[in-house]
Every structure is written in structure tokens, then in C-alpha cells.
N, C-alpha and C. Protein backbone atom coordinates (compact mmCIF):
# COMPACT_ATOMS: atom_id res chain seq x y z
N MET A 1 321.37 270.38 -84.15
CA MET A 1 321.92 270.84 -82.88
C MET A 1 321.46 272.28 -82.64
N PRO A 2 320.97 272.57 -81.44
CA PRO A 2 320.48 273.92 -81.16
C PRO A 2 321.61 274.94 -81.11
N LEU A 3 321.26 276.18 -81.40
CA LEU A 3 322.22 277.28 -81.33
C LEU A 3 322.75 277.42 -79.90
N VAL A 4 321.86 277.29 -78.91
CA VAL A 4 322.22 277.38 -77.49
C VAL A 4 321.62 276.18 -76.79
N THR A 5 322.40 275.50 -75.98
CA THR A 5 321.93 274.30 -75.29
C THR A 5 321.04 274.67 -74.10
N PRO A 6 319.87 274.03 -73.99
CA PRO A 6 318.98 274.30 -72.85
C PRO A 6 319.64 273.92 -71.52
N LEU A 7 319.25 274.62 -70.47
CA LEU A 7 319.70 274.28 -69.12
C LEU A 7 318.78 273.20 -68.56
N SER A 8 319.18 272.60 -67.45
CA SER A 8 318.36 271.57 -66.83
C SER A 8 317.08 272.17 -66.25
N GLN A 9 316.09 271.32 -66.07
CA GLN A 9 314.80 271.76 -65.58
C GLN A 9 314.85 272.38 -64.19
N ASP A 10 315.81 272.01 -63.40
CA ASP A 10 315.88 272.52 -62.03
C ASP A 10 316.93 273.62 -61.86
N HIS A 11 317.34 274.24 -62.94
CA HIS A 11 318.39 275.27 -62.89
C HIS A 11 317.96 276.48 -62.07
N ASP A 12 316.75 276.94 -62.23
CA ASP A 12 316.26 278.13 -61.53
C ASP A 12 314.95 277.77 -60.85
N GLN A 13 314.90 277.85 -59.53
CA GLN A 13 313.74 277.38 -58.77
C GLN A 13 312.45 278.10 -59.15
N GLU A 14 312.52 279.41 -59.34
CA GLU A 14 311.32 280.17 -59.69
C GLU A 14 310.80 279.78 -61.07
N VAL A 15 311.71 279.61 -62.02
CA VAL A 15 311.32 279.16 -63.36
C VAL A 15 310.73 277.76 -63.28
N THR A 16 311.34 276.89 -62.49
CA THR A 16 310.84 275.53 -62.32
C THR A 16 309.40 275.52 -61.83
N GLU A 17 309.10 276.35 -60.84
CA GLU A 17 307.73 276.42 -60.30
C GLU A 17 306.77 276.94 -61.36
N LEU A 18 307.14 278.02 -62.05
CA LEU A 18 306.27 278.58 -63.09
C LEU A 18 306.05 277.59 -64.24
N ALA A 19 307.09 276.84 -64.57
CA ALA A 19 307.05 275.94 -65.73
C ALA A 19 306.16 274.72 -65.50
N LYS A 20 305.69 274.50 -64.27
CA LYS A 20 304.77 273.39 -64.02
C LYS A 20 303.50 273.53 -64.87
N PHE A 21 303.19 274.74 -65.28
CA PHE A 21 302.08 275.04 -66.19
C PHE A 21 302.14 274.17 -67.44
N PHE A 22 303.34 273.94 -67.95
CA PHE A 22 303.50 273.19 -69.20
C PHE A 22 303.26 271.69 -69.02
N ASN A 23 303.36 271.20 -67.79
CA ASN A 23 303.07 269.78 -67.56
C ASN A 23 301.62 269.46 -67.88
N GLU A 24 300.71 270.40 -67.59
CA GLU A 24 299.30 270.21 -67.96
C GLU A 24 299.13 270.32 -69.47
N THR A 25 299.74 271.33 -70.04
CA THR A 25 299.57 271.61 -71.46
C THR A 25 300.20 270.55 -72.35
N LEU A 26 301.43 270.17 -72.06
CA LEU A 26 302.19 269.29 -72.94
C LEU A 26 302.60 267.97 -72.29
N GLY A 27 302.71 267.96 -70.99
CA GLY A 27 303.22 266.78 -70.28
C GLY A 27 304.71 266.88 -70.01
N PHE A 28 305.33 268.00 -70.37
CA PHE A 28 306.76 268.22 -70.15
C PHE A 28 307.05 269.71 -70.27
N CYS A 29 308.20 270.12 -69.77
CA CYS A 29 308.64 271.50 -69.94
C CYS A 29 309.37 271.62 -71.27
N PRO A 30 308.96 272.55 -72.12
CA PRO A 30 309.59 272.69 -73.44
C PRO A 30 311.06 273.12 -73.36
N ASN A 31 311.84 272.61 -74.29
CA ASN A 31 313.25 273.01 -74.37
C ASN A 31 313.40 274.50 -74.65
N SER A 32 312.41 275.11 -75.31
CA SER A 32 312.48 276.55 -75.54
C SER A 32 312.55 277.30 -74.21
N VAL A 33 311.73 276.91 -73.24
CA VAL A 33 311.72 277.55 -71.93
C VAL A 33 313.02 277.25 -71.18
N LEU A 34 313.52 276.03 -71.33
CA LEU A 34 314.78 275.67 -70.67
C LEU A 34 315.95 276.47 -71.23
N THR A 35 315.85 276.87 -72.49
CA THR A 35 316.87 277.74 -73.08
C THR A 35 316.69 279.18 -72.61
N MET A 36 315.44 279.64 -72.57
CA MET A 36 315.17 281.01 -72.12
C MET A 36 315.70 281.26 -70.71
N GLN A 37 315.72 280.21 -69.87
CA GLN A 37 316.12 280.41 -68.48
C GLN A 37 317.61 280.73 -68.33
N ILE A 38 318.36 280.70 -69.42
CA ILE A 38 319.73 281.21 -69.36
C ILE A 38 319.70 282.68 -68.92
N ARG A 39 318.61 283.34 -69.27
CA ARG A 39 318.28 284.66 -68.75
C ARG A 39 316.95 284.50 -68.03
N PRO A 40 316.98 284.16 -66.74
CA PRO A 40 315.77 283.81 -66.01
C PRO A 40 314.63 284.82 -66.13
N ALA A 41 314.95 286.09 -66.22
CA ALA A 41 313.89 287.11 -66.34
C ALA A 41 313.10 286.90 -67.63
N ILE A 42 313.76 286.48 -68.69
CA ILE A 42 313.06 286.22 -69.96
C ILE A 42 312.15 285.00 -69.79
N ALA A 43 312.66 283.95 -69.17
CA ALA A 43 311.84 282.75 -68.96
C ALA A 43 310.63 283.06 -68.09
N ARG A 44 310.84 283.79 -67.02
CA ARG A 44 309.71 284.13 -66.12
C ARG A 44 308.67 284.98 -66.84
N ALA A 45 309.13 285.99 -67.56
CA ALA A 45 308.20 286.87 -68.29
C ALA A 45 307.45 286.09 -69.36
N PHE A 46 308.16 285.22 -70.08
CA PHE A 46 307.52 284.43 -71.13
C PHE A 46 306.46 283.50 -70.54
N ILE A 47 306.81 282.78 -69.47
CA ILE A 47 305.84 281.84 -68.88
C ILE A 47 304.60 282.59 -68.39
N ASN A 48 304.79 283.73 -67.75
CA ASN A 48 303.64 284.50 -67.29
C ASN A 48 302.80 285.02 -68.45
N LEU A 49 303.45 285.46 -69.51
CA LEU A 49 302.70 285.89 -70.71
C LEU A 49 301.95 284.70 -71.30
N ASN A 50 302.61 283.57 -71.41
CA ASN A 50 301.99 282.36 -71.96
C ASN A 50 300.76 281.99 -71.14
N LYS A 51 300.88 282.00 -69.83
CA LYS A 51 299.76 281.65 -68.96
C LYS A 51 298.60 282.63 -69.16
N ALA A 52 298.89 283.91 -69.26
CA ALA A 52 297.85 284.92 -69.43
C ALA A 52 297.15 284.78 -70.79
N VAL A 53 297.92 284.57 -71.84
CA VAL A 53 297.36 284.46 -73.19
C VAL A 53 296.56 283.17 -73.34
N MET A 54 297.06 282.08 -72.82
CA MET A 54 296.43 280.78 -73.07
C MET A 54 295.35 280.43 -72.05
N GLU A 55 295.15 281.27 -71.05
CA GLU A 55 294.09 281.03 -70.07
C GLU A 55 292.73 281.03 -70.77
N ASN A 56 291.88 280.11 -70.37
CA ASN A 56 290.56 280.01 -70.97
C ASN A 56 289.64 281.04 -70.34
N GLN A 57 289.22 282.01 -71.13
CA GLN A 57 288.32 283.07 -70.65
C GLN A 57 286.86 282.82 -71.02
N GLY A 58 286.58 281.76 -71.77
CA GLY A 58 285.19 281.52 -72.18
C GLY A 58 285.11 280.85 -73.54
N ARG A 59 284.57 281.57 -74.51
CA ARG A 59 284.33 280.98 -75.84
C ARG A 59 285.60 280.68 -76.62
N VAL A 60 286.67 281.40 -76.36
CA VAL A 60 287.94 281.09 -77.03
C VAL A 60 288.58 280.00 -76.16
N THR A 61 288.19 278.77 -76.44
CA THR A 61 288.55 277.64 -75.58
C THR A 61 290.03 277.30 -75.66
N SER A 62 290.47 276.49 -74.71
CA SER A 62 291.85 276.03 -74.71
C SER A 62 292.17 275.25 -75.98
N GLU A 63 291.25 274.42 -76.43
CA GLU A 63 291.45 273.68 -77.68
C GLU A 63 291.59 274.65 -78.86
N LEU A 64 290.66 275.61 -78.96
CA LEU A 64 290.69 276.56 -80.07
C LEU A 64 291.99 277.37 -80.07
N LYS A 65 292.45 277.78 -78.90
CA LYS A 65 293.70 278.53 -78.83
C LYS A 65 294.86 277.70 -79.37
N ARG A 66 294.87 276.41 -79.10
CA ARG A 66 295.95 275.56 -79.61
C ARG A 66 295.84 275.38 -81.12
N PHE A 67 294.62 275.29 -81.65
CA PHE A 67 294.46 275.22 -83.11
C PHE A 67 294.92 276.52 -83.77
N ILE A 68 294.62 277.65 -83.16
CA ILE A 68 295.08 278.94 -83.69
C ILE A 68 296.61 278.99 -83.66
N GLY A 69 297.21 278.52 -82.56
CA GLY A 69 298.66 278.46 -82.48
C GLY A 69 299.25 277.53 -83.53
N TYR A 70 298.56 276.42 -83.79
CA TYR A 70 299.02 275.48 -84.81
C TYR A 70 298.99 276.13 -86.19
N ILE A 71 297.87 276.75 -86.55
CA ILE A 71 297.75 277.38 -87.87
C ILE A 71 298.80 278.47 -88.04
N THR A 72 299.00 279.27 -86.99
CA THR A 72 300.02 280.32 -87.03
C THR A 72 301.40 279.71 -87.26
N SER A 73 301.72 278.67 -86.52
CA SER A 73 303.04 278.04 -86.61
C SER A 73 303.26 277.33 -87.94
N ALA A 74 302.24 276.65 -88.44
CA ALA A 74 302.36 275.98 -89.73
C ALA A 74 302.52 277.02 -90.85
N ASN A 75 301.82 278.14 -90.72
CA ASN A 75 301.91 279.19 -91.73
C ASN A 75 303.31 279.79 -91.78
N THR A 76 303.98 279.87 -90.64
CA THR A 76 305.34 280.41 -90.62
C THR A 76 306.41 279.34 -90.80
N GLY A 77 305.99 278.06 -90.75
CA GLY A 77 306.93 276.97 -91.01
C GLY A 77 307.69 276.46 -89.80
N CYS A 78 307.23 276.78 -88.58
CA CYS A 78 307.94 276.34 -87.38
C CYS A 78 307.50 274.93 -87.01
N ARG A 79 308.30 273.95 -87.34
CA ARG A 79 307.98 272.54 -87.07
C ARG A 79 307.89 272.26 -85.57
N TYR A 80 308.73 272.92 -84.80
CA TYR A 80 308.73 272.75 -83.35
C TYR A 80 307.36 273.12 -82.78
N CYS A 81 306.89 274.31 -83.11
CA CYS A 81 305.62 274.77 -82.57
C CYS A 81 304.42 274.03 -83.17
N GLU A 82 304.54 273.57 -84.40
CA GLU A 82 303.46 272.76 -84.97
C GLU A 82 303.23 271.51 -84.11
N ALA A 83 304.30 270.84 -83.76
CA ALA A 83 304.19 269.61 -82.96
C ALA A 83 303.63 269.91 -81.58
N HIS A 84 304.10 270.99 -80.96
CA HIS A 84 303.63 271.35 -79.62
C HIS A 84 302.15 271.69 -79.63
N THR A 85 301.72 272.50 -80.59
CA THR A 85 300.33 272.97 -80.58
C THR A 85 299.35 271.86 -80.96
N ILE A 86 299.74 270.97 -81.85
CA ILE A 86 298.82 269.88 -82.21
C ILE A 86 298.70 268.91 -81.03
N LEU A 87 299.80 268.66 -80.33
CA LEU A 87 299.76 267.83 -79.13
C LEU A 87 298.86 268.47 -78.07
N ALA A 88 299.02 269.77 -77.84
CA ALA A 88 298.20 270.46 -76.85
C ALA A 88 296.73 270.51 -77.27
N ALA A 89 296.45 270.68 -78.56
CA ALA A 89 295.06 270.67 -79.04
C ALA A 89 294.41 269.33 -78.72
N GLN A 90 295.15 268.26 -78.92
CA GLN A 90 294.63 266.93 -78.59
C GLN A 90 294.40 266.80 -77.09
N ARG A 91 295.36 267.25 -76.30
CA ARG A 91 295.24 267.15 -74.84
C ARG A 91 294.06 267.97 -74.31
N TYR A 92 293.69 269.03 -75.03
CA TYR A 92 292.56 269.87 -74.62
C TYR A 92 291.26 269.52 -75.34
N GLY A 93 291.17 268.28 -75.83
CA GLY A 93 289.89 267.80 -76.34
C GLY A 93 289.72 267.75 -77.83
N GLY A 94 290.74 268.10 -78.60
CA GLY A 94 290.63 268.02 -80.06
C GLY A 94 290.37 266.59 -80.49
N THR A 95 289.28 266.37 -81.19
CA THR A 95 288.94 265.03 -81.65
C THR A 95 289.82 264.64 -82.83
N ASP A 96 289.88 263.35 -83.10
CA ASP A 96 290.67 262.88 -84.25
C ASP A 96 290.22 263.56 -85.53
N GLU A 97 288.91 263.73 -85.68
CA GLU A 97 288.38 264.35 -86.90
C GLU A 97 288.80 265.81 -87.01
N ARG A 98 288.68 266.55 -85.93
CA ARG A 98 289.08 267.96 -85.96
C ARG A 98 290.59 268.10 -86.18
N LEU A 99 291.37 267.25 -85.53
CA LEU A 99 292.82 267.28 -85.72
C LEU A 99 293.19 266.98 -87.17
N ALA A 100 292.52 266.00 -87.76
CA ALA A 100 292.83 265.59 -89.13
C ALA A 100 292.34 266.60 -90.17
N GLN A 101 291.31 267.36 -89.85
CA GLN A 101 290.68 268.25 -90.83
C GLN A 101 291.08 269.72 -90.70
N ILE A 102 292.05 270.03 -89.86
CA ILE A 102 292.36 271.43 -89.59
C ILE A 102 292.69 272.22 -90.87
N TRP A 103 293.36 271.62 -91.83
CA TRP A 103 293.69 272.36 -93.06
C TRP A 103 292.57 272.35 -94.07
N GLN A 104 291.50 271.64 -93.78
CA GLN A 104 290.30 271.68 -94.62
C GLN A 104 289.20 272.45 -93.90
N PHE A 105 289.59 273.33 -93.00
CA PHE A 105 288.60 274.01 -92.14
C PHE A 105 287.58 274.80 -92.94
N ARG A 106 287.97 275.36 -94.08
CA ARG A 106 287.05 276.22 -94.84
C ARG A 106 285.81 275.46 -95.29
N GLU A 107 285.97 274.20 -95.67
CA GLU A 107 284.85 273.43 -96.21
C GLU A 107 284.37 272.32 -95.28
N ASN A 108 284.78 272.38 -94.02
CA ASN A 108 284.47 271.28 -93.12
C ASN A 108 283.53 271.72 -91.99
N ASP A 109 282.45 270.98 -91.80
CA ASP A 109 281.44 271.32 -90.80
C ASP A 109 281.85 270.99 -89.36
N VAL A 110 283.02 270.37 -89.16
CA VAL A 110 283.45 270.11 -87.78
C VAL A 110 283.94 271.39 -87.11
N PHE A 111 284.09 272.45 -87.90
CA PHE A 111 284.48 273.75 -87.37
C PHE A 111 283.33 274.73 -87.56
N SER A 112 283.05 275.52 -86.54
CA SER A 112 281.98 276.51 -86.61
C SER A 112 282.41 277.69 -87.49
N GLU A 113 281.46 278.51 -87.86
CA GLU A 113 281.77 279.72 -88.63
C GLU A 113 282.66 280.66 -87.81
N ALA A 114 282.45 280.71 -86.51
CA ALA A 114 283.28 281.53 -85.65
C ALA A 114 284.73 281.02 -85.64
N GLU A 115 284.90 279.71 -85.56
CA GLU A 115 286.25 279.13 -85.59
C GLU A 115 286.91 279.40 -86.93
N LYS A 116 286.16 279.25 -88.01
CA LYS A 116 286.71 279.50 -89.34
C LYS A 116 287.18 280.95 -89.48
N ALA A 117 286.41 281.89 -88.93
CA ALA A 117 286.82 283.30 -88.97
C ALA A 117 288.11 283.51 -88.18
N ALA A 118 288.24 282.84 -87.04
CA ALA A 118 289.46 282.94 -86.24
C ALA A 118 290.65 282.34 -86.99
N PHE A 119 290.44 281.24 -87.69
CA PHE A 119 291.53 280.60 -88.44
C PHE A 119 291.97 281.48 -89.62
N GLU A 120 291.02 282.09 -90.32
CA GLU A 120 291.37 283.00 -91.42
C GLU A 120 292.18 284.18 -90.89
N PHE A 121 291.76 284.69 -89.74
CA PHE A 121 292.49 285.79 -89.10
C PHE A 121 293.90 285.35 -88.73
N ALA A 122 294.03 284.14 -88.20
CA ALA A 122 295.36 283.62 -87.82
C ALA A 122 296.27 283.52 -89.04
N LEU A 123 295.74 283.02 -90.14
CA LEU A 123 296.55 282.93 -91.37
C LEU A 123 296.99 284.30 -91.85
N ALA A 124 296.06 285.25 -91.86
CA ALA A 124 296.37 286.59 -92.36
C ALA A 124 297.31 287.33 -91.42
N ALA A 125 297.09 287.21 -90.11
CA ALA A 125 297.90 287.93 -89.14
C ALA A 125 299.32 287.38 -89.03
N SER A 126 299.50 286.09 -89.35
CA SER A 126 300.83 285.50 -89.25
C SER A 126 301.59 285.53 -90.57
N SER A 127 300.99 286.10 -91.58
CA SER A 127 301.66 286.23 -92.88
C SER A 127 302.60 287.42 -92.89
N VAL A 128 303.62 287.34 -93.72
CA VAL A 128 304.53 288.46 -93.92
C VAL A 128 304.54 288.78 -95.40
N PRO A 129 304.08 289.97 -95.80
CA PRO A 129 303.54 291.01 -94.95
C PRO A 129 302.16 290.62 -94.41
N ASN A 130 301.77 291.30 -93.36
CA ASN A 130 300.48 291.05 -92.71
C ASN A 130 299.36 291.20 -93.73
N ALA A 131 298.43 290.25 -93.71
CA ALA A 131 297.35 290.23 -94.72
C ALA A 131 295.97 290.46 -94.12
N VAL A 132 295.90 290.97 -92.90
CA VAL A 132 294.59 291.26 -92.31
C VAL A 132 293.99 292.45 -93.06
N ASP A 133 292.81 292.21 -93.65
CA ASP A 133 292.14 293.27 -94.39
C ASP A 133 290.75 293.50 -93.81
N GLU A 134 290.02 294.41 -94.41
CA GLU A 134 288.69 294.77 -93.91
C GLU A 134 287.72 293.58 -93.93
N GLN A 135 287.80 292.76 -94.95
CA GLN A 135 286.90 291.60 -95.04
C GLN A 135 287.16 290.62 -93.89
N ILE A 136 288.42 290.35 -93.61
CA ILE A 136 288.78 289.44 -92.50
C ILE A 136 288.34 290.05 -91.17
N GLN A 137 288.55 291.35 -91.00
CA GLN A 137 288.12 292.02 -89.77
C GLN A 137 286.61 291.95 -89.60
N THR A 138 285.87 292.23 -90.67
CA THR A 138 284.40 292.21 -90.62
C THR A 138 283.90 290.83 -90.24
N GLU A 139 284.44 289.79 -90.85
CA GLU A 139 284.01 288.42 -90.55
C GLU A 139 284.35 288.07 -89.10
N LEU A 140 285.51 288.47 -88.64
CA LEU A 140 285.91 288.19 -87.27
C LEU A 140 284.95 288.85 -86.28
N LYS A 141 284.59 290.12 -86.55
CA LYS A 141 283.71 290.86 -85.65
C LYS A 141 282.27 290.34 -85.67
N LYS A 142 281.89 289.61 -86.71
CA LYS A 142 280.57 289.00 -86.74
C LYS A 142 280.43 287.91 -85.68
N HIS A 143 281.53 287.31 -85.30
CA HIS A 143 281.50 286.13 -84.43
C HIS A 143 282.12 286.34 -83.05
N TRP A 144 282.99 287.33 -82.91
CA TRP A 144 283.77 287.49 -81.67
C TRP A 144 283.68 288.92 -81.17
N ASP A 145 283.61 289.07 -79.84
CA ASP A 145 283.60 290.42 -79.27
C ASP A 145 285.06 290.92 -79.13
N ASP A 146 285.20 292.17 -78.70
CA ASP A 146 286.54 292.78 -78.62
C ASP A 146 287.48 292.01 -77.71
N GLY A 147 287.00 291.57 -76.55
CA GLY A 147 287.85 290.80 -75.63
C GLY A 147 288.31 289.49 -76.25
N GLU A 148 287.42 288.83 -76.97
CA GLU A 148 287.77 287.57 -77.62
C GLU A 148 288.77 287.79 -78.76
N ILE A 149 288.62 288.89 -79.47
CA ILE A 149 289.57 289.21 -80.54
C ILE A 149 290.95 289.48 -79.95
N VAL A 150 291.00 290.16 -78.80
CA VAL A 150 292.28 290.39 -78.12
C VAL A 150 292.90 289.04 -77.73
N GLU A 151 292.10 288.12 -77.21
CA GLU A 151 292.61 286.79 -76.87
C GLU A 151 293.18 286.08 -78.10
N ILE A 152 292.42 286.10 -79.18
CA ILE A 152 292.83 285.40 -80.42
C ILE A 152 294.14 285.99 -80.94
N LEU A 153 294.22 287.32 -81.01
CA LEU A 153 295.45 287.94 -81.50
C LEU A 153 296.60 287.73 -80.50
N GLY A 154 296.28 287.64 -79.22
CA GLY A 154 297.31 287.31 -78.24
C GLY A 154 297.97 285.97 -78.54
N VAL A 155 297.15 284.97 -78.92
CA VAL A 155 297.68 283.64 -79.27
C VAL A 155 298.55 283.74 -80.52
N ILE A 156 298.05 284.41 -81.54
CA ILE A 156 298.81 284.55 -82.79
C ILE A 156 300.15 285.23 -82.52
N SER A 157 300.12 286.28 -81.73
CA SER A 157 301.35 287.02 -81.43
C SER A 157 302.32 286.22 -80.57
N LEU A 158 301.78 285.50 -79.58
CA LEU A 158 302.63 284.65 -78.74
C LEU A 158 303.37 283.63 -79.61
N PHE A 159 302.64 283.01 -80.54
CA PHE A 159 303.30 282.02 -81.38
C PHE A 159 304.20 282.66 -82.43
N GLY A 160 303.95 283.91 -82.79
CA GLY A 160 304.91 284.62 -83.64
C GLY A 160 306.26 284.71 -82.95
N TYR A 161 306.23 285.04 -81.65
CA TYR A 161 307.47 285.07 -80.85
C TYR A 161 308.11 283.69 -80.80
N LEU A 162 307.29 282.68 -80.47
CA LEU A 162 307.83 281.32 -80.35
C LEU A 162 308.34 280.78 -81.67
N ASN A 163 307.66 281.09 -82.77
CA ASN A 163 308.12 280.62 -84.08
C ASN A 163 309.50 281.18 -84.40
N ARG A 164 309.69 282.46 -84.14
CA ARG A 164 311.00 283.08 -84.38
C ARG A 164 312.05 282.49 -83.43
N TRP A 165 311.67 282.36 -82.16
CA TRP A 165 312.61 281.83 -81.16
C TRP A 165 313.08 280.44 -81.55
N ASN A 166 312.15 279.53 -81.76
CA ASN A 166 312.49 278.12 -81.96
C ASN A 166 313.14 277.84 -83.31
N ASP A 167 312.71 278.54 -84.35
CA ASP A 167 313.35 278.31 -85.64
C ASP A 167 314.76 278.90 -85.68
N SER A 168 314.93 280.08 -85.10
CA SER A 168 316.27 280.68 -85.06
C SER A 168 317.21 279.92 -84.14
N MET A 169 316.67 279.43 -83.03
CA MET A 169 317.47 278.70 -82.05
C MET A 169 317.72 277.26 -82.49
N GLY A 170 316.87 276.74 -83.40
CA GLY A 170 316.97 275.33 -83.77
C GLY A 170 316.68 274.45 -82.56
N THR A 171 315.70 274.87 -81.74
CA THR A 171 315.38 274.18 -80.48
C THR A 171 315.11 272.70 -80.72
N THR A 172 315.75 271.85 -79.93
CA THR A 172 315.58 270.41 -80.05
C THR A 172 314.18 270.02 -79.58
N LEU A 173 313.49 269.24 -80.42
CA LEU A 173 312.16 268.75 -80.08
C LEU A 173 312.24 267.64 -79.05
N GLU A 174 311.34 267.66 -78.10
CA GLU A 174 311.22 266.63 -77.09
C GLU A 174 310.52 265.41 -77.69
N SER A 175 310.77 264.23 -77.11
CA SER A 175 310.23 262.99 -77.68
C SER A 175 308.70 263.01 -77.76
N GLY A 176 308.02 263.55 -76.75
CA GLY A 176 306.56 263.62 -76.78
C GLY A 176 306.04 264.46 -77.93
N ALA A 177 306.74 265.55 -78.23
CA ALA A 177 306.35 266.41 -79.35
C ALA A 177 306.64 265.72 -80.68
N ILE A 178 307.76 265.02 -80.77
CA ILE A 178 308.07 264.28 -82.00
C ILE A 178 307.00 263.23 -82.26
N ASP A 179 306.62 262.49 -81.24
CA ASP A 179 305.56 261.48 -81.39
C ASP A 179 304.27 262.11 -81.88
N ALA A 180 303.90 263.26 -81.32
CA ALA A 180 302.67 263.94 -81.74
C ALA A 180 302.76 264.39 -83.20
N GLY A 181 303.89 264.96 -83.57
CA GLY A 181 304.06 265.39 -84.96
C GLY A 181 303.97 264.24 -85.93
N GLU A 182 304.68 263.15 -85.61
CA GLU A 182 304.69 261.99 -86.51
C GLU A 182 303.33 261.30 -86.57
N THR A 183 302.58 261.31 -85.48
CA THR A 183 301.28 260.64 -85.43
C THR A 183 300.16 261.53 -85.97
N LEU A 184 300.09 262.76 -85.48
CA LEU A 184 298.95 263.62 -85.77
C LEU A 184 299.12 264.47 -87.04
N LEU A 185 300.35 264.62 -87.50
CA LEU A 185 300.59 265.49 -88.66
C LEU A 185 301.17 264.74 -89.84
N GLN A 186 301.08 263.41 -89.82
CA GLN A 186 301.71 262.62 -90.88
C GLN A 186 301.16 262.96 -92.26
N LYS A 187 299.85 263.24 -92.38
CA LYS A 187 299.29 263.54 -93.70
C LYS A 187 299.64 264.95 -94.16
N ASN A 188 300.19 265.76 -93.26
CA ASN A 188 300.62 267.12 -93.61
C ASN A 188 302.11 267.18 -93.94
N ASN A 189 302.73 266.01 -94.08
CA ASN A 189 304.16 265.90 -94.40
C ASN A 189 305.05 266.59 -93.35
N TRP A 190 304.64 266.50 -92.09
CA TRP A 190 305.42 267.08 -91.02
C TRP A 190 306.72 266.31 -90.85
N GLU A 191 307.78 267.03 -90.53
CA GLU A 191 309.07 266.41 -90.23
C GLU A 191 309.76 267.23 -89.15
N VAL A 192 310.72 266.63 -88.48
CA VAL A 192 311.43 267.32 -87.40
C VAL A 192 312.19 268.51 -87.93
N GLY A 193 312.76 268.39 -89.12
CA GLY A 193 313.51 269.51 -89.70
C GLY A 193 314.74 269.84 -88.88
N LYS A 194 314.97 271.11 -88.63
CA LYS A 194 316.16 271.58 -87.92
C LYS A 194 316.10 271.31 -86.43
N HIS A 195 314.99 270.78 -85.94
CA HIS A 195 314.79 270.61 -84.50
C HIS A 195 315.22 269.23 -84.02
N GLN A 196 316.36 268.74 -84.51
CA GLN A 196 316.89 267.42 -84.17
C GLN A 196 317.32 267.35 -82.73
């Protein structure tokens, strides 16, 4: 049971309009956003930040951003965000092979060297304490320019917020996200956990 019960999707008209963004990404409005709208300014600010961070600017593709969000969320243990990001990665073109091999990225040729550097950065940046060191920075800069690095860290940071929000709130997982977790993350021992 969540700490705070989400409001209905049509509670705040402005939030409802902004939240249509998630219909493309996930196929539904997340319960996390429906809870944030208890304070509409938080929901509006979060949706606008999410849209800005997740917008495709070029080489840091929509699929890659969702994989980075997944790695960040799995590293912090947020089952809610793991299910959301793997579902979104699939919706943005993640192949079955890439989805299945995400935790074997270091030794798998389905991921480019640039993607591997981004994934290592995501693991280090989402660790507590932060584990970004000179070697990780050097490898990242070999493959990504400053704007792309800002995008990548924007995704990691956005999911840091969401991981804390959803795990602390015990946000209830939506059926579409549960299906994605059970189907796409079964070999990773994914479970709903506190997000009943």
C-alpha cells in the first residue's frame, strides 16, 4: 500500500494535459505523477523536467536514455522504475536481444563502446557514495561531447529523484509496468516488491 494514495488522472487539468507525454512513453500516466499532483506545482515541474531530460537531442537516443534510467534504477533497487524504464526502452526500439543482455553489456557486442561508457557512468553516478572517477570520466569523454554528457547525467539524476520518490512512497505499480517487469526482467529476478 502506498504511503500516499494517488489522485485521479483528471484531478488537475494542467497536469492532465502535461501528463499526455507519458502515454507515448509508457502507454499510461504513472502513479508517481498522480501522487505528485497532490501538490500540482511539483507535478507540473516534474513533468516539464522529465520532458526536457528525456527529449531526443541526437546520439543519446530515446532508447539509450531508457536503458540508462533502467541501469540507474536497478543499481539503486527501485523495482517501480526498473519496470517503467525497461517497458519504455522496448517501446523506443529496444530489441529482445538488447533488453535481455543489458546486464552483460560489458562483454556484449549488441552495445557500442559509447553505450558501454554511458552505462559505466550510470552505475558509478548512481552509487552511494558516488563512484565517478577519472577513468570513467576519460572513457565517457572519448565517446560523448559535453552536451551529450549533460543529457546522460540528466537522465541519471532524474531517475535518482524518481528512485527515492517511488521507493519511499511505495508507489503502486500499474498493470502495464508489472507485465513488462514480469516479462522482460524475469531472468533478473525482478519482483513487484513494495510496489503492490
